[in-house]
Amino acid sequence: MKVGITIDCPDPDQVAAFWERFLGYVRRTDRGGGPYVTIDRPSGVDGPPHLTFQRVPEAKTTKGRTHLDLFVEHAAPMVDEMIAAGATSLTITEAGEWTTRVLQDPAGNEFCVIGPD
């Protein structure tokens, strides 16, 4: 069995480009003209095997019940770069050495960046 994650969004190309940049994943070239863009994890990179971004017509209206958690060594610089690339900061929760920052990608999907500054 293989497991993948599919994320609904209005513009799969835009959201895939955002995540390619920050996860180090590589876009599949076999698009076929459908409503999907898939990015794959290269060898040596942590994370799910692939992420697929699916074009949907409806807008996101509530908080997502599933999200990505990114565990990093230096959170603040990455978060600053993500915001410059179109992410939105929602909340910051301090927990000792670790800080959890909840952000939204350019399509409004929540994710967490977890780690010390």
N, C-alpha and C. Protein backbone atom coordinates (compact mmCIF):
# COMPACT_ATOMS: atom_id res chain seq x y z
N MET A 1 0.84 -1.17 0.00
CA MET A 1 0.00 0.00 0.00
C MET A 1 0.89 1.24 0.00
N LYS A 2 0.45 2.25 -0.74
CA LYS A 2 1.10 3.55 -0.72
C LYS A 2 0.09 4.56 -0.20
N VAL A 3 0.58 5.58 0.49
CA VAL A 3 -0.28 6.63 1.02
C VAL A 3 0.21 7.96 0.48
N GLY A 4 -0.71 8.77 0.01
CA GLY A 4 -0.38 10.12 -0.45
C GLY A 4 -1.32 11.10 0.23
N ILE A 5 -1.02 12.35 0.11
CA ILE A 5 -1.86 13.41 0.68
C ILE A 5 -2.31 14.30 -0.47
N THR A 6 -3.62 14.56 -0.55
CA THR A 6 -4.19 15.44 -1.56
C THR A 6 -4.75 16.67 -0.87
N ILE A 7 -4.43 17.83 -1.40
CA ILE A 7 -4.84 19.10 -0.82
C ILE A 7 -5.67 19.87 -1.84
N ASP A 8 -6.90 20.22 -1.46
CA ASP A 8 -7.77 21.00 -2.33
C ASP A 8 -7.29 22.45 -2.38
N CYS A 9 -7.40 23.06 -3.56
CA CYS A 9 -7.00 24.46 -3.71
C CYS A 9 -7.55 25.01 -5.02
N PRO A 10 -7.60 26.34 -5.14
CA PRO A 10 -8.10 26.93 -6.39
C PRO A 10 -7.07 26.95 -7.52
N ASP A 11 -5.77 26.95 -7.18
CA ASP A 11 -4.71 27.04 -8.19
C ASP A 11 -3.59 26.06 -7.85
N PRO A 12 -3.69 24.82 -8.34
CA PRO A 12 -2.68 23.80 -8.01
C PRO A 12 -1.26 24.18 -8.39
N ASP A 13 -1.07 24.87 -9.49
CA ASP A 13 0.29 25.26 -9.89
C ASP A 13 0.92 26.20 -8.87
N GLN A 14 0.15 27.18 -8.39
CA GLN A 14 0.66 28.15 -7.42
C GLN A 14 1.01 27.47 -6.10
N VAL A 15 0.11 26.64 -5.60
CA VAL A 15 0.34 26.00 -4.30
C VAL A 15 1.45 24.96 -4.39
N ALA A 16 1.51 24.22 -5.49
CA ALA A 16 2.60 23.25 -5.68
C ALA A 16 3.95 23.97 -5.71
N ALA A 17 4.02 25.12 -6.37
CA ALA A 17 5.28 25.88 -6.43
C ALA A 17 5.71 26.33 -5.03
N PHE A 18 4.75 26.78 -4.21
CA PHE A 18 5.06 27.18 -2.83
C PHE A 18 5.68 26.01 -2.08
N TRP A 19 5.04 24.84 -2.13
CA TRP A 19 5.52 23.69 -1.36
C TRP A 19 6.79 23.08 -1.94
N GLU A 20 6.96 23.12 -3.26
CA GLU A 20 8.23 22.68 -3.85
C GLU A 20 9.39 23.45 -3.24
N ARG A 21 9.21 24.74 -3.15
CA ARG A 21 10.27 25.63 -2.63
C ARG A 21 10.66 25.27 -1.20
N PHE A 22 9.67 25.00 -0.35
CA PHE A 22 9.97 24.83 1.06
C PHE A 22 10.18 23.38 1.49
N LEU A 23 9.68 22.43 0.73
CA LEU A 23 9.89 21.03 1.09
C LEU A 23 11.04 20.39 0.33
N GLY A 24 11.46 21.00 -0.77
CA GLY A 24 12.51 20.39 -1.59
C GLY A 24 11.98 19.27 -2.46
N TYR A 25 10.66 19.22 -2.65
CA TYR A 25 10.04 18.21 -3.51
C TYR A 25 10.17 18.61 -4.97
N VAL A 26 9.90 17.66 -5.87
CA VAL A 26 10.04 17.88 -7.30
C VAL A 26 8.71 17.59 -7.98
N ARG A 27 8.31 18.50 -8.87
CA ARG A 27 7.03 18.37 -9.58
C ARG A 27 7.09 17.24 -10.61
N ARG A 28 6.05 16.45 -10.67
CA ARG A 28 5.93 15.43 -11.71
C ARG A 28 5.66 16.11 -13.04
N THR A 29 6.23 15.55 -14.09
CA THR A 29 6.06 16.14 -15.41
C THR A 29 4.91 15.51 -16.19
N ASP A 30 4.37 14.41 -15.72
CA ASP A 30 3.30 13.69 -16.44
C ASP A 30 1.92 14.22 -16.06
N ARG A 31 1.65 15.49 -16.30
CA ARG A 31 0.42 16.14 -15.85
C ARG A 31 -0.83 15.57 -16.50
N GLY A 32 -0.87 15.41 -17.79
CA GLY A 32 -2.04 14.87 -18.45
C GLY A 32 -3.22 15.83 -18.54
N GLY A 33 -3.06 17.09 -18.14
CA GLY A 33 -4.11 18.08 -18.33
C GLY A 33 -5.24 18.04 -17.32
N GLY A 34 -5.17 17.22 -16.31
CA GLY A 34 -6.24 17.15 -15.31
C GLY A 34 -6.15 18.24 -14.27
N PRO A 35 -6.99 18.14 -13.24
CA PRO A 35 -7.02 19.16 -12.19
C PRO A 35 -5.98 18.96 -11.09
N TYR A 36 -4.95 18.16 -11.35
CA TYR A 36 -3.99 17.79 -10.31
C TYR A 36 -2.58 18.22 -10.66
N VAL A 37 -1.82 18.60 -9.62
CA VAL A 37 -0.37 18.77 -9.73
C VAL A 37 0.22 17.99 -8.56
N THR A 38 1.15 17.10 -8.85
CA THR A 38 1.76 16.28 -7.81
C THR A 38 3.25 16.61 -7.70
N ILE A 39 3.71 16.70 -6.44
CA ILE A 39 5.14 16.86 -6.18
C ILE A 39 5.60 15.66 -5.37
N ASP A 40 6.78 15.15 -5.74
CA ASP A 40 7.33 13.95 -5.11
C ASP A 40 8.53 14.28 -4.24
N ARG A 41 8.69 13.50 -3.19
CA ARG A 41 9.84 13.61 -2.30
C ARG A 41 11.04 12.96 -2.97
N PRO A 42 12.13 13.70 -3.16
CA PRO A 42 13.33 13.07 -3.68
C PRO A 42 13.98 12.20 -2.59
N SER A 43 14.84 11.29 -2.99
CA SER A 43 15.51 10.47 -1.99
C SER A 43 16.33 11.36 -1.07
N GLY A 44 16.34 11.02 0.21
CA GLY A 44 17.09 11.78 1.20
C GLY A 44 16.32 12.93 1.82
N VAL A 45 15.08 13.16 1.39
CA VAL A 45 14.26 14.23 1.94
C VAL A 45 13.14 13.59 2.77
N ASP A 46 12.93 14.09 4.00
CA ASP A 46 11.88 13.56 4.86
C ASP A 46 10.51 14.05 4.42
N GLY A 47 9.49 13.23 4.73
CA GLY A 47 8.12 13.64 4.45
C GLY A 47 7.34 12.55 3.77
N PRO A 48 6.06 12.81 3.49
CA PRO A 48 5.24 11.82 2.78
C PRO A 48 5.79 11.61 1.38
N PRO A 49 5.49 10.46 0.76
CA PRO A 49 6.04 10.16 -0.56
C PRO A 49 5.71 11.22 -1.61
N HIS A 50 4.49 11.74 -1.55
CA HIS A 50 4.11 12.79 -2.50
C HIS A 50 2.93 13.60 -1.95
N LEU A 51 2.78 14.78 -2.51
CA LEU A 51 1.63 15.63 -2.22
C LEU A 51 0.98 15.97 -3.55
N THR A 52 -0.34 15.86 -3.59
CA THR A 52 -1.08 16.21 -4.79
C THR A 52 -1.97 17.40 -4.47
N PHE A 53 -1.98 18.38 -5.36
CA PHE A 53 -2.82 19.56 -5.21
C PHE A 53 -3.92 19.47 -6.26
N GLN A 54 -5.14 19.50 -5.79
CA GLN A 54 -6.32 19.28 -6.64
C GLN A 54 -7.12 20.57 -6.77
N ARG A 55 -7.38 20.96 -8.02
CA ARG A 55 -8.19 22.15 -8.27
C ARG A 55 -9.64 21.85 -7.90
N VAL A 56 -10.21 22.72 -7.07
CA VAL A 56 -11.62 22.63 -6.72
C VAL A 56 -12.27 24.00 -6.91
N PRO A 57 -13.55 24.03 -7.27
CA PRO A 57 -14.20 25.32 -7.55
C PRO A 57 -14.62 26.09 -6.29
N GLU A 58 -14.90 25.37 -5.21
CA GLU A 58 -15.41 26.05 -4.01
C GLU A 58 -14.26 26.61 -3.18
N ALA A 59 -14.54 27.72 -2.52
CA ALA A 59 -13.56 28.36 -1.64
C ALA A 59 -13.50 27.63 -0.30
N LYS A 60 -12.36 27.68 0.35
CA LYS A 60 -12.21 27.12 1.69
C LYS A 60 -13.01 28.00 2.65
N THR A 61 -13.82 27.36 3.50
CA THR A 61 -14.68 28.15 4.39
C THR A 61 -14.43 27.91 5.88
N THR A 62 -13.77 26.81 6.24
CA THR A 62 -13.51 26.53 7.65
C THR A 62 -12.08 26.04 7.82
N LYS A 63 -11.66 25.93 9.07
CA LYS A 63 -10.33 25.41 9.38
C LYS A 63 -10.23 23.97 8.89
N GLY A 64 -9.08 23.65 8.28
CA GLY A 64 -8.84 22.28 7.83
C GLY A 64 -8.67 21.34 9.02
N ARG A 65 -9.11 20.11 8.88
CA ARG A 65 -9.00 19.15 9.97
C ARG A 65 -7.73 18.32 9.86
N THR A 66 -7.01 18.44 8.77
CA THR A 66 -5.72 17.78 8.58
C THR A 66 -4.74 18.83 8.10
N HIS A 67 -3.50 18.75 8.59
CA HIS A 67 -2.50 19.73 8.15
C HIS A 67 -1.10 19.13 8.22
N LEU A 68 -0.15 19.79 7.59
CA LEU A 68 1.25 19.38 7.63
C LEU A 68 1.93 20.02 8.83
N ASP A 69 2.81 19.28 9.49
CA ASP A 69 3.69 19.80 10.53
C ASP A 69 5.11 19.73 10.00
N LEU A 70 5.79 20.86 9.98
CA LEU A 70 7.19 20.91 9.55
C LEU A 70 8.05 21.13 10.77
N PHE A 71 8.91 20.18 11.09
CA PHE A 71 9.82 20.27 12.24
C PHE A 71 11.16 20.78 11.72
N VAL A 72 11.59 21.95 12.20
CA VAL A 72 12.77 22.61 11.66
C VAL A 72 13.73 22.98 12.78
N GLU A 73 14.99 23.22 12.42
CA GLU A 73 16.00 23.60 13.41
C GLU A 73 15.96 25.08 13.75
N HIS A 74 15.54 25.92 12.80
CA HIS A 74 15.47 27.37 13.00
C HIS A 74 14.17 27.86 12.38
N ALA A 75 13.15 28.06 13.20
CA ALA A 75 11.81 28.38 12.70
C ALA A 75 11.67 29.80 12.16
N ALA A 76 12.18 30.78 12.87
CA ALA A 76 11.92 32.18 12.50
C ALA A 76 12.36 32.52 11.07
N PRO A 77 13.56 32.15 10.64
CA PRO A 77 13.95 32.50 9.27
C PRO A 77 13.07 31.83 8.22
N MET A 78 12.71 30.57 8.47
CA MET A 78 11.85 29.87 7.50
C MET A 78 10.48 30.51 7.44
N VAL A 79 9.91 30.86 8.58
CA VAL A 79 8.59 31.48 8.62
C VAL A 79 8.64 32.82 7.89
N ASP A 80 9.67 33.61 8.11
CA ASP A 80 9.80 34.89 7.42
C ASP A 80 9.83 34.69 5.90
N GLU A 81 10.57 33.68 5.45
CA GLU A 81 10.67 33.40 4.02
C GLU A 81 9.33 32.92 3.46
N MET A 82 8.61 32.10 4.24
CA MET A 82 7.30 31.61 3.80
C MET A 82 6.30 32.75 3.68
N ILE A 83 6.32 33.67 4.62
CA ILE A 83 5.42 34.82 4.56
C ILE A 83 5.75 35.68 3.34
N ALA A 84 7.02 35.88 3.06
CA ALA A 84 7.42 36.64 1.87
C ALA A 84 6.96 35.94 0.59
N ALA A 85 6.80 34.60 0.63
CA ALA A 85 6.38 33.83 -0.54
C ALA A 85 4.87 33.67 -0.64
N GLY A 86 4.11 34.27 0.29
CA GLY A 86 2.66 34.23 0.17
C GLY A 86 1.92 33.56 1.30
N ALA A 87 2.62 33.02 2.30
CA ALA A 87 1.95 32.42 3.46
C ALA A 87 1.43 33.52 4.38
N THR A 88 0.51 33.15 5.25
CA THR A 88 -0.05 34.07 6.24
C THR A 88 0.17 33.48 7.62
N SER A 89 0.63 34.29 8.56
CA SER A 89 0.83 33.84 9.94
C SER A 89 -0.49 33.95 10.69
N LEU A 90 -0.86 32.88 11.43
CA LEU A 90 -2.10 32.88 12.20
C LEU A 90 -1.85 32.97 13.70
N THR A 91 -1.07 32.05 14.26
CA THR A 91 -0.82 32.04 15.70
C THR A 91 0.60 31.57 16.00
N ILE A 92 1.06 31.93 17.20
CA ILE A 92 2.36 31.46 17.71
C ILE A 92 2.13 30.97 19.13
N THR A 93 2.60 29.73 19.41
CA THR A 93 2.48 29.16 20.75
C THR A 93 3.87 28.79 21.23
N GLU A 94 4.30 29.40 22.32
CA GLU A 94 5.60 29.11 22.92
C GLU A 94 5.47 27.90 23.84
N ALA A 95 6.44 27.00 23.77
CA ALA A 95 6.45 25.83 24.65
C ALA A 95 7.90 25.49 24.97
N GLY A 96 8.51 26.29 25.82
CA GLY A 96 9.91 26.06 26.17
C GLY A 96 10.81 26.39 24.99
N GLU A 97 11.70 25.45 24.63
CA GLU A 97 12.59 25.65 23.50
C GLU A 97 11.86 25.64 22.17
N TRP A 98 10.72 24.96 22.13
CA TRP A 98 9.98 24.79 20.88
C TRP A 98 8.90 25.85 20.75
N THR A 99 8.75 26.34 19.56
CA THR A 99 7.67 27.27 19.24
C THR A 99 6.87 26.66 18.10
N THR A 100 5.55 26.70 18.21
CA THR A 100 4.68 26.24 17.13
C THR A 100 4.04 27.45 16.49
N ARG A 101 4.28 27.60 15.21
CA ARG A 101 3.68 28.70 14.44
C ARG A 101 2.68 28.10 13.46
N VAL A 102 1.44 28.56 13.53
CA VAL A 102 0.42 28.11 12.59
C VAL A 102 0.35 29.15 11.48
N LEU A 103 0.48 28.67 10.25
CA LEU A 103 0.42 29.52 9.08
C LEU A 103 -0.61 28.97 8.10
N GLN A 104 -0.90 29.74 7.07
CA GLN A 104 -1.69 29.27 5.94
C GLN A 104 -0.85 29.43 4.68
N ASP A 105 -0.93 28.42 3.79
CA ASP A 105 -0.25 28.54 2.50
C ASP A 105 -1.03 29.52 1.62
N PRO A 106 -0.57 29.81 0.40
CA PRO A 106 -1.26 30.80 -0.43
C PRO A 106 -2.73 30.46 -0.73
N ALA A 107 -3.13 29.20 -0.59
CA ALA A 107 -4.53 28.81 -0.82
C ALA A 107 -5.35 28.84 0.46
N GLY A 108 -4.72 29.18 1.61
CA GLY A 108 -5.45 29.24 2.88
C GLY A 108 -5.43 27.95 3.68
N ASN A 109 -4.64 26.95 3.26
CA ASN A 109 -4.55 25.68 4.00
C ASN A 109 -3.58 25.84 5.16
N GLU A 110 -4.01 25.46 6.37
CA GLU A 110 -3.18 25.60 7.56
C GLU A 110 -2.03 24.59 7.55
N PHE A 111 -0.93 25.01 8.17
CA PHE A 111 0.20 24.12 8.43
C PHE A 111 0.97 24.70 9.62
N CYS A 112 1.82 23.88 10.25
CA CYS A 112 2.59 24.32 11.40
C CYS A 112 4.08 24.24 11.09
N VAL A 113 4.80 25.24 11.58
CA VAL A 113 6.26 25.21 11.58
C VAL A 113 6.66 25.13 13.04
N ILE A 114 7.34 24.04 13.40
CA ILE A 114 7.63 23.74 14.80
C ILE A 114 9.13 23.66 14.99
N GLY A 115 9.64 24.44 15.94
CA GLY A 115 11.06 24.39 16.24
C GLY A 115 11.51 25.64 16.94
N PRO A 116 12.75 25.64 17.41
CA PRO A 116 13.28 26.82 18.08
C PRO A 116 13.58 27.92 17.07
N ASP A 117 13.68 29.14 17.57
CA ASP A 117 14.06 30.25 16.69
C ASP A 117 15.51 30.13 16.42
